[in-house]
């Protein structure tokens, strides 16, 4: 009986590792699909947005 429980836990762990690998691979594929110009424009937009939020309050 105990051996079956450990088998189930092992299979669940293996399935979790496989699912995590799929999520990482999908994210990496999405990151690599951008051209350098798209990445540059996104970074410039982020810097511009952060500069607006970082201004000290007037007063």
C-alpha atoms as a PDB file:
ATOM      1  CA  UNK A   1       0.000   0.000   0.000  1.00  0.00           C
ATOM      2  CA  UNK A   2       2.759   2.425   0.937  1.00  0.00           C
ATOM      3  CA  UNK A   3       4.618   1.766  -2.296  1.00  0.00           C
ATOM      4  CA  UNK A   4       1.590   2.914  -4.334  1.00  0.00           C
ATOM      5  CA  UNK A   5       1.397   6.210  -2.428  1.00  0.00           C
ATOM      6  CA  UNK A   6       5.060   6.928  -3.123  1.00  0.00           C
ATOM      7  CA  UNK A   7       4.592   6.082  -6.781  1.00  0.00           C
ATOM      8  CA  UNK A   8       1.678   8.522  -6.994  1.00  0.00           C
ATOM      9  CA  UNK A   9       3.715  11.252  -5.281  1.00  0.00           C
ATOM     10  CA  UNK A  10       6.608  10.649  -7.640  1.00  0.00           C
ATOM     11  CA  UNK A  11       4.396  10.821 -10.695  1.00  0.00           C
ATOM     12  CA  UNK A  12       2.757  14.006  -9.431  1.00  0.00           C
ATOM     13  CA  UNK A  13       6.185  15.558  -8.891  1.00  0.00           C
ATOM     14  CA  UNK A  14       7.283  14.539 -12.368  1.00  0.00           C
ATOM     15  CA  UNK A  15       4.131  16.063 -13.858  1.00  0.00           C
ATOM     16  CA  UNK A  16       4.792  19.291 -11.949  1.00  0.00           C
ATOM     17  CA  UNK A  17       8.347  19.531 -13.245  1.00  0.00           C
ATOM     18  CA  UNK A  18       7.161  18.901 -16.801  1.00  0.00           C
ATOM     19  CA  UNK A  19       4.452  21.548 -16.502  1.00  0.00           C
ATOM     20  CA  UNK A  20       6.977  24.048 -15.139  1.00  0.00           C
ATOM     21  CA  UNK A  21       9.289  23.360 -18.048  1.00  0.00           C
ATOM     22  CA  UNK A  22       6.472  23.962 -20.496  1.00  0.00           C
ATOM     23  CA  UNK A  23       5.663  27.315 -18.903  1.00  0.00           C
ATOM     24  CA  UNK A  24       9.323  28.389 -19.017  1.00  0.00           C
ATOM     25  CA  UNK A  25       9.698  27.297 -22.640  1.00  0.00           C
ATOM     26  CA  UNK A  26       6.559  29.185 -23.660  1.00  0.00           C
ATOM     27  CA  UNK A  27       7.773  32.374 -21.989  1.00  0.00           C
ATOM     28  CA  UNK A  28      11.189  32.075 -23.595  1.00  0.00           C
ATOM     29  CA  UNK A  29       9.618  31.573 -27.003  1.00  0.00           C
ATOM     30  CA  UNK A  30       7.521  34.729 -26.543  1.00  0.00           C
ATOM     31  CA  UNK A  31      10.579  36.749 -25.476  1.00  0.00           C
ATOM     32  CA  UNK A  32      12.570  35.612 -28.479  1.00  0.00           C
ATOM     33  CA  UNK A  33       9.808  36.535 -30.916  1.00  0.00           C
ATOM     34  CA  UNK A  34      10.472  40.283 -30.453  1.00  0.00           C
ATOM     35  CA  UNK A  35      12.793  42.111 -32.814  1.00  0.00           C
ATOM     36  CA  UNK A  36      15.548  44.248 -31.284  1.00  0.00           C
ATOM     37  CA  UNK A  37      13.699  47.390 -32.375  1.00  0.00           C
ATOM     38  CA  UNK A  38      10.533  46.258 -30.564  1.00  0.00           C
ATOM     39  CA  UNK A  39      12.482  45.541 -27.400  1.00  0.00           C
ATOM     40  CA  UNK A  40      14.206  48.923 -27.582  1.00  0.00           C
ATOM     41  CA  UNK A  41      10.909  50.772 -28.058  1.00  0.00           C
ATOM     42  CA  UNK A  42       9.323  48.885 -25.139  1.00  0.00           C
ATOM     43  CA  UNK A  43      12.247  49.730 -22.870  1.00  0.00           C
ATOM     44  CA  UNK A  44      12.099  53.396 -23.870  1.00  0.00           C
ATOM     45  CA  UNK A  45       8.377  53.448 -23.099  1.00  0.00           C
ATOM     46  CA  UNK A  46       8.987  51.857 -19.676  1.00  0.00           C
ATOM     47  CA  UNK A  47      11.658  54.420 -18.827  1.00  0.00           C
ATOM     48  CA  UNK A  48       9.362  57.240 -19.880  1.00  0.00           C
ATOM     49  CA  UNK A  49       6.535  55.858 -17.728  1.00  0.00           C
ATOM     50  CA  UNK A  50       8.782  55.388 -14.709  1.00  0.00           C
ATOM     51  CA  UNK A  51      10.073  58.950 -15.047  1.00  0.00           C
ATOM     52  CA  UNK A  52       6.545  60.300 -14.845  1.00  0.00           C
ATOM     53  CA  UNK A  53       5.783  58.328 -11.689  1.00  0.00           C
ATOM     54  CA  UNK A  54       9.063  59.206  -9.970  1.00  0.00           C
ATOM     55  CA  UNK A  55       8.480  62.976  -9.949  1.00  0.00           C
ATOM     56  CA  UNK A  56       8.326  64.457  -6.439  1.00  0.00           C
ATOM     57  CA  UNK A  57       4.964  65.901  -5.410  1.00  0.00           C
ATOM     58  CA  UNK A  58       4.602  69.654  -5.862  1.00  0.00           C
ATOM     59  CA  UNK A  59       4.278  71.620  -2.723  1.00  0.00           C
END
